[in-house]
Amino acid sequence: MKRSKLFNAKVLSSLIIAISILLSSCEKKESAEDKTVSGQVGQFETTLIDSSARMDTTTVDYGEIMQTVFQLEDSIKRNPMDVSIRSALVTVAYDSTSGKIYTVGYGIADTSAGSEARAMQTAERAALIDAQRWAMFVMRWKENADEPAITETVSGNVPRGTPIQKAILPENNLYLLVEFEP
């Protein structure tokens, strides 16, 4: 028994390290500002000076959010009745200034089902559905961290979600950070 727990802890540690390494090469959501900055310097300066819109100068470290949220979601799976972990997830996953919720979904690409591209699409869809489920729990736990337990079924309306980052690990494990807007 001790040996399997030690093995599980090592596997989990390896997975977290692998996700951390892969996050540096993850795909990121491209904003209009990114498109502008990728142009010529002169064009960026003109856009910056001529724009009357308020430019958002804050940067969000999606890699850190993805890693922290994933770790907390995993902790909740292992300790489903621990309310303190639920509260910690709500604190990290819910941005109180913007009202956005960040969750990580998980999917596995079934390469035996056809083309690799199709398999990755189904893995992304599964990861998005998983992220939506986590978003439902975060919204409910934001109101009352005691209920519901992760083992219960939740239902309701999930806000629109946008995939922000994707990490593909060996054996076609896919993790997707999704941003849900109010």
N, C-alpha and C. Protein backbone atom coordinates (compact mmCIF):
# COMPACT_ATOMS: atom_id res chain seq x y z
N MET A 1 0.83 -1.20 0.00
CA MET A 1 0.00 0.00 0.00
C MET A 1 0.87 1.24 0.00
N LYS A 2 1.89 1.26 0.89
CA LYS A 2 2.78 2.41 0.93
C LYS A 2 3.50 2.59 -0.39
N ARG A 3 3.87 1.46 -0.99
CA ARG A 3 4.59 1.52 -2.26
C ARG A 3 3.73 2.15 -3.35
N SER A 4 2.43 1.82 -3.44
CA SER A 4 1.57 2.40 -4.47
C SER A 4 1.33 3.88 -4.21
N LYS A 5 1.22 4.28 -2.93
CA LYS A 5 1.06 5.71 -2.63
C LYS A 5 2.30 6.48 -3.03
N LEU A 6 3.49 5.89 -2.76
CA LEU A 6 4.74 6.53 -3.15
C LEU A 6 4.83 6.62 -4.67
N PHE A 7 4.44 5.55 -5.36
CA PHE A 7 4.45 5.55 -6.81
C PHE A 7 3.49 6.62 -7.34
N ASN A 8 2.26 6.70 -6.77
CA ASN A 8 1.28 7.71 -7.21
C ASN A 8 1.81 9.12 -6.98
N ALA A 9 2.48 9.35 -5.86
CA ALA A 9 3.04 10.67 -5.57
C ALA A 9 4.13 11.00 -6.58
N LYS A 10 4.94 10.01 -6.93
CA LYS A 10 5.99 10.26 -7.93
C LYS A 10 5.40 10.55 -9.30
N VAL A 11 4.36 9.80 -9.68
CA VAL A 11 3.71 10.02 -10.97
C VAL A 11 3.09 11.42 -11.00
N LEU A 12 2.42 11.82 -9.91
CA LEU A 12 1.81 13.15 -9.85
C LEU A 12 2.87 14.24 -9.93
N SER A 13 3.97 14.05 -9.20
CA SER A 13 5.06 15.03 -9.25
C SER A 13 5.62 15.14 -10.65
N SER A 14 5.81 14.00 -11.31
CA SER A 14 6.33 14.00 -12.68
C SER A 14 5.37 14.71 -13.62
N LEU A 15 4.07 14.48 -13.43
CA LEU A 15 3.07 15.13 -14.27
C LEU A 15 3.08 16.63 -14.08
N ILE A 16 3.17 17.09 -12.85
CA ILE A 16 3.19 18.53 -12.57
C ILE A 16 4.45 19.16 -13.16
N ILE A 17 5.58 18.49 -13.04
CA ILE A 17 6.83 19.01 -13.62
C ILE A 17 6.71 19.06 -15.14
N ALA A 18 6.15 18.02 -15.74
CA ALA A 18 5.99 17.99 -17.19
C ALA A 18 5.08 19.11 -17.67
N ILE A 19 3.99 19.35 -16.94
CA ILE A 19 3.08 20.44 -17.31
C ILE A 19 3.80 21.78 -17.20
N SER A 20 4.58 21.95 -16.15
CA SER A 20 5.32 23.21 -15.97
C SER A 20 6.27 23.45 -17.13
N ILE A 21 6.96 22.40 -17.55
CA ILE A 21 7.91 22.53 -18.67
C ILE A 21 7.17 22.85 -19.95
N LEU A 22 6.05 22.16 -20.17
CA LEU A 22 5.31 22.37 -21.41
C LEU A 22 4.59 23.71 -21.46
N LEU A 23 4.30 24.29 -20.30
CA LEU A 23 3.57 25.56 -20.29
C LEU A 23 4.36 26.67 -20.98
N SER A 24 5.66 26.57 -20.94
CA SER A 24 6.45 27.62 -21.59
C SER A 24 6.29 27.59 -23.10
N SER A 25 5.86 26.43 -23.63
CA SER A 25 5.67 26.34 -25.08
C SER A 25 4.21 26.19 -25.46
N CYS A 26 3.32 26.46 -24.52
CA CYS A 26 1.89 26.33 -24.78
C CYS A 26 1.41 27.36 -25.78
N GLU A 27 0.30 27.02 -26.47
CA GLU A 27 -0.35 28.00 -27.32
C GLU A 27 -1.05 29.01 -26.45
N LYS A 28 -1.01 30.29 -26.83
CA LYS A 28 -1.64 31.33 -26.03
C LYS A 28 -2.72 32.03 -26.83
N LYS A 29 -3.70 32.57 -26.12
CA LYS A 29 -4.75 33.37 -26.74
C LYS A 29 -4.12 34.62 -27.31
N GLU A 30 -4.46 34.93 -28.55
CA GLU A 30 -3.89 36.10 -29.19
C GLU A 30 -4.89 37.24 -29.12
N SER A 31 -4.47 38.36 -28.56
CA SER A 31 -5.36 39.51 -28.45
C SER A 31 -5.06 40.49 -29.58
N ALA A 32 -5.91 41.50 -29.71
CA ALA A 32 -5.71 42.52 -30.73
C ALA A 32 -4.40 43.25 -30.48
N GLU A 33 -4.03 43.44 -29.21
CA GLU A 33 -2.78 44.12 -28.90
C GLU A 33 -1.58 43.31 -29.37
N ASP A 34 -1.65 41.97 -29.24
CA ASP A 34 -0.57 41.12 -29.72
C ASP A 34 -0.39 41.28 -31.22
N LYS A 35 -1.49 41.38 -31.94
CA LYS A 35 -1.42 41.54 -33.39
C LYS A 35 -0.78 42.87 -33.73
N THR A 36 -1.11 43.91 -33.00
CA THR A 36 -0.55 45.23 -33.26
C THR A 36 0.95 45.24 -32.96
N VAL A 37 1.32 44.67 -31.84
CA VAL A 37 2.72 44.69 -31.43
C VAL A 37 3.58 43.90 -32.41
N SER A 38 3.02 42.86 -33.03
CA SER A 38 3.82 42.05 -33.93
C SER A 38 4.15 42.78 -35.23
N GLY A 39 3.55 43.93 -35.47
CA GLY A 39 3.84 44.72 -36.67
C GLY A 39 5.10 45.54 -36.49
N GLN A 40 5.27 46.52 -37.33
CA GLN A 40 6.45 47.37 -37.26
C GLN A 40 6.37 48.29 -36.06
N VAL A 41 7.53 48.71 -35.58
CA VAL A 41 7.59 49.57 -34.40
C VAL A 41 6.86 50.88 -34.67
N GLY A 42 7.08 51.46 -35.82
CA GLY A 42 6.42 52.72 -36.15
C GLY A 42 4.91 52.58 -36.13
N GLN A 43 4.40 51.49 -36.65
CA GLN A 43 2.97 51.26 -36.66
C GLN A 43 2.44 51.15 -35.23
N PHE A 44 3.15 50.48 -34.36
CA PHE A 44 2.73 50.34 -32.96
C PHE A 44 2.68 51.69 -32.28
N GLU A 45 3.71 52.54 -32.51
CA GLU A 45 3.73 53.85 -31.89
C GLU A 45 2.55 54.70 -32.37
N THR A 46 2.24 54.63 -33.65
CA THR A 46 1.12 55.40 -34.19
C THR A 46 -0.19 54.91 -33.56
N THR A 47 -0.36 53.61 -33.48
CA THR A 47 -1.56 53.05 -32.89
C THR A 47 -1.69 53.47 -31.44
N LEU A 48 -0.58 53.44 -30.72
CA LEU A 48 -0.59 53.79 -29.30
C LEU A 48 -0.95 55.26 -29.11
N ILE A 49 -0.40 56.14 -29.92
CA ILE A 49 -0.64 57.57 -29.79
C ILE A 49 -2.05 57.94 -30.25
N ASP A 50 -2.50 57.37 -31.38
CA ASP A 50 -3.79 57.73 -31.95
C ASP A 50 -4.98 57.09 -31.22
N SER A 51 -4.74 56.05 -30.47
CA SER A 51 -5.83 55.33 -29.84
C SER A 51 -6.39 56.11 -28.66
N SER A 52 -7.71 56.28 -28.65
CA SER A 52 -8.34 56.94 -27.51
C SER A 52 -8.83 55.91 -26.50
N ALA A 53 -8.77 54.63 -26.89
CA ALA A 53 -9.21 53.57 -25.97
C ALA A 53 -8.15 53.34 -24.90
N ARG A 54 -8.61 53.01 -23.72
CA ARG A 54 -7.71 52.72 -22.60
C ARG A 54 -7.01 51.40 -22.89
N MET A 55 -5.69 51.41 -22.83
CA MET A 55 -4.94 50.18 -23.08
C MET A 55 -4.70 49.47 -21.75
N ASP A 56 -4.93 48.17 -21.74
CA ASP A 56 -4.73 47.36 -20.54
C ASP A 56 -3.25 46.98 -20.47
N THR A 57 -2.55 47.49 -19.47
CA THR A 57 -1.12 47.25 -19.36
C THR A 57 -0.81 46.08 -18.42
N THR A 58 -1.84 45.51 -17.81
CA THR A 58 -1.59 44.38 -16.92
C THR A 58 -1.35 43.13 -17.75
N THR A 59 -0.44 42.32 -17.29
CA THR A 59 -0.18 41.06 -17.97
C THR A 59 -0.62 39.93 -17.05
N VAL A 60 -1.18 38.92 -17.65
CA VAL A 60 -1.65 37.78 -16.90
C VAL A 60 -0.73 36.61 -17.19
N ASP A 61 -0.25 35.95 -16.16
CA ASP A 61 0.61 34.78 -16.32
C ASP A 61 -0.29 33.54 -16.39
N TYR A 62 -0.75 33.22 -17.61
CA TYR A 62 -1.65 32.10 -17.79
C TYR A 62 -0.99 30.78 -17.41
N GLY A 63 0.31 30.67 -17.61
CA GLY A 63 1.02 29.45 -17.24
C GLY A 63 0.93 29.19 -15.75
N GLU A 64 1.12 30.22 -14.97
CA GLU A 64 1.03 30.08 -13.50
C GLU A 64 -0.40 29.76 -13.08
N ILE A 65 -1.36 30.43 -13.71
CA ILE A 65 -2.76 30.14 -13.39
C ILE A 65 -3.09 28.69 -13.73
N MET A 66 -2.64 28.24 -14.91
CA MET A 66 -2.92 26.88 -15.33
C MET A 66 -2.34 25.86 -14.35
N GLN A 67 -1.10 26.07 -13.97
CA GLN A 67 -0.44 25.13 -13.06
C GLN A 67 -1.12 25.11 -11.69
N THR A 68 -1.41 26.28 -11.13
CA THR A 68 -2.00 26.36 -9.80
C THR A 68 -3.41 25.79 -9.79
N VAL A 69 -4.22 26.15 -10.78
CA VAL A 69 -5.59 25.65 -10.85
C VAL A 69 -5.58 24.13 -11.02
N PHE A 70 -4.70 23.63 -11.90
CA PHE A 70 -4.62 22.18 -12.11
C PHE A 70 -4.26 21.46 -10.81
N GLN A 71 -3.29 21.99 -10.08
CA GLN A 71 -2.88 21.36 -8.82
C GLN A 71 -4.03 21.33 -7.81
N LEU A 72 -4.77 22.43 -7.73
CA LEU A 72 -5.89 22.48 -6.79
C LEU A 72 -7.03 21.55 -7.22
N GLU A 73 -7.33 21.51 -8.52
CA GLU A 73 -8.35 20.58 -9.00
C GLU A 73 -7.95 19.14 -8.68
N ASP A 74 -6.68 18.82 -8.89
CA ASP A 74 -6.19 17.48 -8.60
C ASP A 74 -6.29 17.18 -7.10
N SER A 75 -5.98 18.16 -6.27
CA SER A 75 -6.09 17.97 -4.82
C SER A 75 -7.54 17.72 -4.40
N ILE A 76 -8.47 18.40 -5.06
CA ILE A 76 -9.89 18.20 -4.75
C ILE A 76 -10.31 16.79 -5.15
N LYS A 77 -9.80 16.29 -6.28
CA LYS A 77 -10.14 14.92 -6.69
C LYS A 77 -9.66 13.91 -5.64
N ARG A 78 -8.49 14.16 -5.06
CA ARG A 78 -7.93 13.25 -4.07
C ARG A 78 -8.56 13.44 -2.69
N ASN A 79 -9.05 14.64 -2.39
CA ASN A 79 -9.66 14.97 -1.09
C ASN A 79 -10.99 15.67 -1.33
N PRO A 80 -11.99 14.93 -1.82
CA PRO A 80 -13.25 15.57 -2.25
C PRO A 80 -14.03 16.28 -1.15
N MET A 81 -13.81 15.95 0.10
CA MET A 81 -14.58 16.57 1.17
C MET A 81 -13.85 17.73 1.85
N ASP A 82 -12.64 18.04 1.43
CA ASP A 82 -11.84 19.10 2.06
C ASP A 82 -12.30 20.47 1.54
N VAL A 83 -13.04 21.18 2.36
CA VAL A 83 -13.61 22.48 1.99
C VAL A 83 -12.52 23.54 1.83
N SER A 84 -11.42 23.43 2.55
CA SER A 84 -10.35 24.43 2.45
C SER A 84 -9.71 24.42 1.06
N ILE A 85 -9.62 23.26 0.43
CA ILE A 85 -9.06 23.19 -0.92
C ILE A 85 -10.04 23.81 -1.91
N ARG A 86 -11.33 23.58 -1.71
CA ARG A 86 -12.34 24.21 -2.56
C ARG A 86 -12.23 25.74 -2.48
N SER A 87 -12.09 26.25 -1.26
CA SER A 87 -11.96 27.70 -1.07
C SER A 87 -10.70 28.23 -1.75
N ALA A 88 -9.61 27.47 -1.66
CA ALA A 88 -8.36 27.88 -2.32
C ALA A 88 -8.55 27.91 -3.83
N LEU A 89 -9.26 26.92 -4.39
CA LEU A 89 -9.51 26.91 -5.83
C LEU A 89 -10.33 28.12 -6.25
N VAL A 90 -11.36 28.44 -5.49
CA VAL A 90 -12.18 29.61 -5.81
C VAL A 90 -11.33 30.88 -5.80
N THR A 91 -10.45 31.00 -4.81
CA THR A 91 -9.59 32.18 -4.70
C THR A 91 -8.70 32.33 -5.92
N VAL A 92 -8.15 31.23 -6.40
CA VAL A 92 -7.23 31.27 -7.55
C VAL A 92 -8.00 31.34 -8.86
N ALA A 93 -9.08 30.58 -9.00
CA ALA A 93 -9.79 30.46 -10.28
C ALA A 93 -10.72 31.62 -10.58
N TYR A 94 -11.18 32.34 -9.56
CA TYR A 94 -12.14 33.42 -9.76
C TYR A 94 -11.44 34.77 -9.65
N ASP A 95 -11.47 35.54 -10.73
CA ASP A 95 -10.90 36.89 -10.75
C ASP A 95 -12.02 37.86 -10.36
N SER A 96 -11.98 38.35 -9.14
CA SER A 96 -13.07 39.18 -8.63
C SER A 96 -13.18 40.53 -9.34
N THR A 97 -12.10 41.04 -9.91
CA THR A 97 -12.18 42.33 -10.60
C THR A 97 -12.88 42.22 -11.95
N SER A 98 -12.63 41.15 -12.68
CA SER A 98 -13.25 41.00 -14.00
C SER A 98 -14.44 40.05 -13.99
N GLY A 99 -14.57 39.26 -12.93
CA GLY A 99 -15.64 38.27 -12.86
C GLY A 99 -15.34 37.01 -13.65
N LYS A 100 -14.14 36.90 -14.20
CA LYS A 100 -13.78 35.72 -15.01
C LYS A 100 -13.40 34.55 -14.12
N ILE A 101 -13.65 33.36 -14.64
CA ILE A 101 -13.28 32.12 -13.96
C ILE A 101 -12.34 31.36 -14.87
N TYR A 102 -11.26 30.83 -14.28
CA TYR A 102 -10.27 30.04 -15.02
C TYR A 102 -10.29 28.62 -14.48
N THR A 103 -10.48 27.64 -15.36
CA THR A 103 -10.40 26.25 -14.96
C THR A 103 -9.59 25.46 -15.98
N VAL A 104 -9.12 24.29 -15.57
CA VAL A 104 -8.34 23.43 -16.44
C VAL A 104 -9.13 22.16 -16.69
N GLY A 105 -9.30 21.85 -17.97
CA GLY A 105 -9.98 20.61 -18.35
C GLY A 105 -8.98 19.61 -18.89
N TYR A 106 -9.36 18.35 -18.85
CA TYR A 106 -8.48 17.27 -19.26
C TYR A 106 -9.16 16.39 -20.29
N GLY A 107 -8.42 15.99 -21.31
CA GLY A 107 -8.93 15.08 -22.32
C GLY A 107 -7.80 14.21 -22.85
N ILE A 108 -8.16 13.05 -23.38
CA ILE A 108 -7.18 12.14 -23.96
C ILE A 108 -7.53 11.95 -25.43
N ALA A 109 -6.53 12.10 -26.29
CA ALA A 109 -6.74 11.90 -27.72
C ALA A 109 -6.73 10.40 -28.02
N ASP A 110 -7.81 9.91 -28.61
CA ASP A 110 -7.90 8.50 -28.99
C ASP A 110 -7.40 8.38 -30.43
N THR A 111 -6.14 8.05 -30.58
CA THR A 111 -5.52 7.99 -31.91
C THR A 111 -6.00 6.79 -32.71
N SER A 112 -6.65 5.84 -32.09
CA SER A 112 -7.15 4.68 -32.83
C SER A 112 -8.46 4.99 -33.57
N ALA A 113 -9.05 6.12 -33.30
CA ALA A 113 -10.36 6.47 -33.86
C ALA A 113 -10.27 7.13 -35.23
N GLY A 114 -9.11 7.28 -35.80
CA GLY A 114 -8.99 7.92 -37.10
C GLY A 114 -7.72 8.74 -37.17
N SER A 115 -7.82 9.91 -37.78
CA SER A 115 -6.65 10.76 -37.95
C SER A 115 -6.23 11.39 -36.63
N GLU A 116 -4.97 11.77 -36.57
CA GLU A 116 -4.45 12.40 -35.35
C GLU A 116 -5.12 13.75 -35.10
N ALA A 117 -5.38 14.49 -36.17
CA ALA A 117 -6.04 15.80 -36.02
C ALA A 117 -7.44 15.62 -35.43
N ARG A 118 -8.16 14.64 -35.91
CA ARG A 118 -9.52 14.37 -35.39
C ARG A 118 -9.45 13.93 -33.92
N ALA A 119 -8.45 13.12 -33.60
CA ALA A 119 -8.28 12.66 -32.22
C ALA A 119 -8.01 13.83 -31.29
N MET A 120 -7.19 14.79 -31.73
CA MET A 120 -6.89 15.96 -30.90
C MET A 120 -8.13 16.85 -30.75
N GLN A 121 -8.94 16.94 -31.80
CA GLN A 121 -10.18 17.72 -31.70
C GLN A 121 -11.11 17.13 -30.64
N THR A 122 -11.23 15.81 -30.63
CA THR A 122 -12.11 15.19 -29.63
C THR A 122 -11.52 15.35 -28.23
N ALA A 123 -10.19 15.30 -28.11
CA ALA A 123 -9.56 15.52 -26.80
C ALA A 123 -9.81 16.94 -26.32
N GLU A 124 -9.71 17.92 -27.23
CA GLU A 124 -9.97 19.32 -26.86
C GLU A 124 -11.43 19.50 -26.44
N ARG A 125 -12.33 18.84 -27.14
CA ARG A 125 -13.75 18.94 -26.79
C ARG A 125 -13.99 18.35 -25.40
N ALA A 126 -13.38 17.20 -25.13
CA ALA A 126 -13.52 16.58 -23.81
C ALA A 126 -12.92 17.48 -22.73
N ALA A 127 -11.78 18.10 -23.02
CA ALA A 127 -11.14 19.00 -22.05
C ALA A 127 -12.01 20.23 -21.80
N LEU A 128 -12.64 20.75 -22.85
CA LEU A 128 -13.53 21.90 -22.69
C LEU A 128 -14.74 21.55 -21.82
N ILE A 129 -15.31 20.37 -22.04
CA ILE A 129 -16.45 19.93 -21.23
C ILE A 129 -16.02 19.76 -19.77
N ASP A 130 -14.84 19.19 -19.56
CA ASP A 130 -14.32 19.03 -18.20
C ASP A 130 -14.11 20.39 -17.54
N ALA A 131 -13.57 21.35 -18.30
CA ALA A 131 -13.35 22.70 -17.77
C ALA A 131 -14.70 23.37 -17.43
N GLN A 132 -15.72 23.13 -18.24
CA GLN A 132 -17.05 23.68 -17.96
C GLN A 132 -17.59 23.10 -16.65
N ARG A 133 -17.39 21.81 -16.45
CA ARG A 133 -17.83 21.17 -15.21
C ARG A 133 -17.13 21.80 -14.01
N TRP A 134 -15.82 22.02 -14.13
CA TRP A 134 -15.08 22.66 -13.03
C TRP A 134 -15.59 24.09 -12.80
N ALA A 135 -15.92 24.79 -13.89
CA ALA A 135 -16.43 26.16 -13.76
C ALA A 135 -17.74 26.17 -12.98
N MET A 136 -18.60 25.16 -13.22
CA MET A 136 -19.85 25.06 -12.47
C MET A 136 -19.57 24.90 -10.98
N PHE A 137 -18.59 24.05 -10.65
CA PHE A 137 -18.25 23.86 -9.23
C PHE A 137 -17.69 25.15 -8.64
N VAL A 138 -16.83 25.84 -9.36
CA VAL A 138 -16.25 27.09 -8.84
C VAL A 138 -17.36 28.11 -8.58
N MET A 139 -18.30 28.24 -9.53
CA MET A 139 -19.40 29.19 -9.34
C MET A 139 -20.23 28.83 -8.11
N ARG A 140 -20.49 27.55 -7.91
CA ARG A 140 -21.27 27.11 -6.75
C ARG A 140 -20.48 27.29 -5.46
N TRP A 141 -19.19 26.94 -5.49
CA TRP A 141 -18.36 27.04 -4.29
C TRP A 141 -18.08 28.49 -3.93
N LYS A 142 -18.16 29.38 -4.90
CA LYS A 142 -18.00 30.81 -4.62
C LYS A 142 -19.11 31.27 -3.68
N GLU A 143 -20.28 30.72 -3.83
CA GLU A 143 -21.43 31.05 -2.99
C GLU A 143 -21.40 30.29 -1.66
N ASN A 144 -21.01 29.01 -1.71
CA ASN A 144 -20.99 28.17 -0.51
C ASN A 144 -19.99 27.03 -0.73
N ALA A 145 -18.83 27.12 -0.10
CA ALA A 145 -17.77 26.14 -0.30
C ALA A 145 -18.12 24.75 0.23
N ASP A 146 -19.17 24.64 1.05
CA ASP A 146 -19.55 23.35 1.61
C ASP A 146 -20.27 22.45 0.60
N GLU A 147 -20.95 23.04 -0.36
CA GLU A 147 -21.74 22.24 -1.30
C GLU A 147 -21.58 22.77 -2.71
N PRO A 148 -21.67 21.92 -3.67
CA PRO A 148 -21.79 20.47 -3.62
C PRO A 148 -20.42 19.81 -3.55
N ALA A 149 -20.42 18.53 -3.20
CA ALA A 149 -19.19 17.76 -3.22
C ALA A 149 -18.84 17.46 -4.67
N ILE A 150 -17.58 17.26 -4.96
CA ILE A 150 -17.12 16.98 -6.32
C ILE A 150 -17.74 15.69 -6.86
N THR A 151 -18.16 14.83 -5.97
CA THR A 151 -18.77 13.56 -6.38
C THR A 151 -20.22 13.71 -6.80
N GLU A 152 -20.82 14.88 -6.57
CA GLU A 152 -22.22 15.12 -6.93
C GLU A 152 -22.34 15.67 -8.34
N THR A 153 -23.52 15.57 -8.88
CA THR A 153 -23.82 16.12 -10.20
C THR A 153 -24.24 17.58 -10.03
N VAL A 154 -23.72 18.43 -10.90
CA VAL A 154 -24.13 19.83 -10.88
C VAL A 154 -24.76 20.18 -12.22
N SER A 155 -25.66 21.14 -12.20
CA SER A 155 -26.27 21.59 -13.44
C SER A 155 -26.49 23.09 -13.35
N GLY A 156 -26.64 23.69 -14.49
CA GLY A 156 -26.85 25.13 -14.55
C GLY A 156 -26.27 25.70 -15.83
N ASN A 157 -26.30 26.99 -15.93
CA ASN A 157 -25.76 27.66 -17.11
C ASN A 157 -24.30 28.01 -16.88
N VAL A 158 -23.48 27.63 -17.82
CA VAL A 158 -22.06 27.94 -17.76
C VAL A 158 -21.82 29.14 -18.67
N PRO A 159 -21.09 30.15 -18.20
CA PRO A 159 -20.80 31.28 -19.07
C PRO A 159 -19.95 30.84 -20.26
N ARG A 160 -19.87 31.72 -21.25
CA ARG A 160 -19.08 31.43 -22.45
C ARG A 160 -17.62 31.22 -22.07
N GLY A 161 -17.02 30.16 -22.60
CA GLY A 161 -15.64 29.86 -22.30
C GLY A 161 -14.74 29.98 -23.51
N THR A 162 -13.53 30.48 -23.29
CA THR A 162 -12.55 30.63 -24.35
C THR A 162 -11.28 29.90 -23.95
N PRO A 163 -10.85 28.92 -24.75
CA PRO A 163 -9.57 28.27 -24.45
C PRO A 163 -8.43 29.28 -24.52
N ILE A 164 -7.58 29.28 -23.50
CA ILE A 164 -6.48 30.23 -23.40
C ILE A 164 -5.15 29.56 -23.70
N GLN A 165 -4.91 28.41 -23.08
CA GLN A 165 -3.67 27.68 -23.27
C GLN A 165 -3.95 26.20 -23.35
N LYS A 166 -3.05 25.52 -24.07
CA LYS A 166 -3.19 24.08 -24.23
C LYS A 166 -1.83 23.45 -23.97
N ALA A 167 -1.83 22.36 -23.25
CA ALA A 167 -0.61 21.59 -23.02
C ALA A 167 -0.88 20.15 -23.42
N ILE A 168 -0.04 19.62 -24.30
CA ILE A 168 -0.17 18.23 -24.73
C ILE A 168 1.03 17.47 -24.17
N LEU A 169 0.72 16.48 -23.37
CA LEU A 169 1.76 15.68 -22.73
C LEU A 169 1.89 14.35 -23.47
N PRO A 170 2.94 13.60 -23.16
CA PRO A 170 3.08 12.28 -23.79
C PRO A 170 1.83 11.42 -23.57
N GLU A 171 1.65 10.48 -24.45
CA GLU A 171 0.51 9.57 -24.44
C GLU A 171 -0.79 10.31 -24.70
N ASN A 172 -0.70 11.43 -25.42
CA ASN A 172 -1.86 12.20 -25.90
C ASN A 172 -2.76 12.73 -24.80
N ASN A 173 -2.19 13.04 -23.64
CA ASN A 173 -2.94 13.71 -22.58
C ASN A 173 -2.96 15.19 -22.88
N LEU A 174 -4.13 15.78 -22.89
CA LEU A 174 -4.28 17.19 -23.23
C LEU A 174 -4.91 17.93 -22.06
N TYR A 175 -4.31 19.06 -21.71
CA TYR A 175 -4.83 19.94 -20.65
C TYR A 175 -5.14 21.28 -21.29
N LEU A 176 -6.29 21.84 -20.95
CA LEU A 176 -6.76 23.07 -21.56
C LEU A 176 -7.17 24.06 -20.48
N LEU A 177 -6.52 25.24 -20.49
CA LEU A 177 -6.93 26.31 -19.59
C LEU A 177 -8.02 27.10 -20.29
N VAL A 178 -9.18 27.23 -19.64
CA VAL A 178 -10.32 27.92 -20.24
C VAL A 178 -10.71 29.10 -19.38
N GLU A 179 -10.97 30.22 -20.03
CA GLU A 179 -11.40 31.45 -19.36
C GLU A 179 -12.91 31.60 -19.60
N PHE A 180 -13.66 31.69 -18.52
CA PHE A 180 -15.12 31.86 -18.60
C PHE A 180 -15.45 33.30 -18.22
N GLU A 181 -16.17 33.96 -19.12
CA GLU A 181 -16.55 35.36 -18.90
C GLU A 181 -17.94 35.44 -18.29
N PRO A 182 -18.18 36.50 -17.49
CA PRO A 182 -19.50 36.63 -16.85
C PRO A 182 -20.62 36.88 -17.86
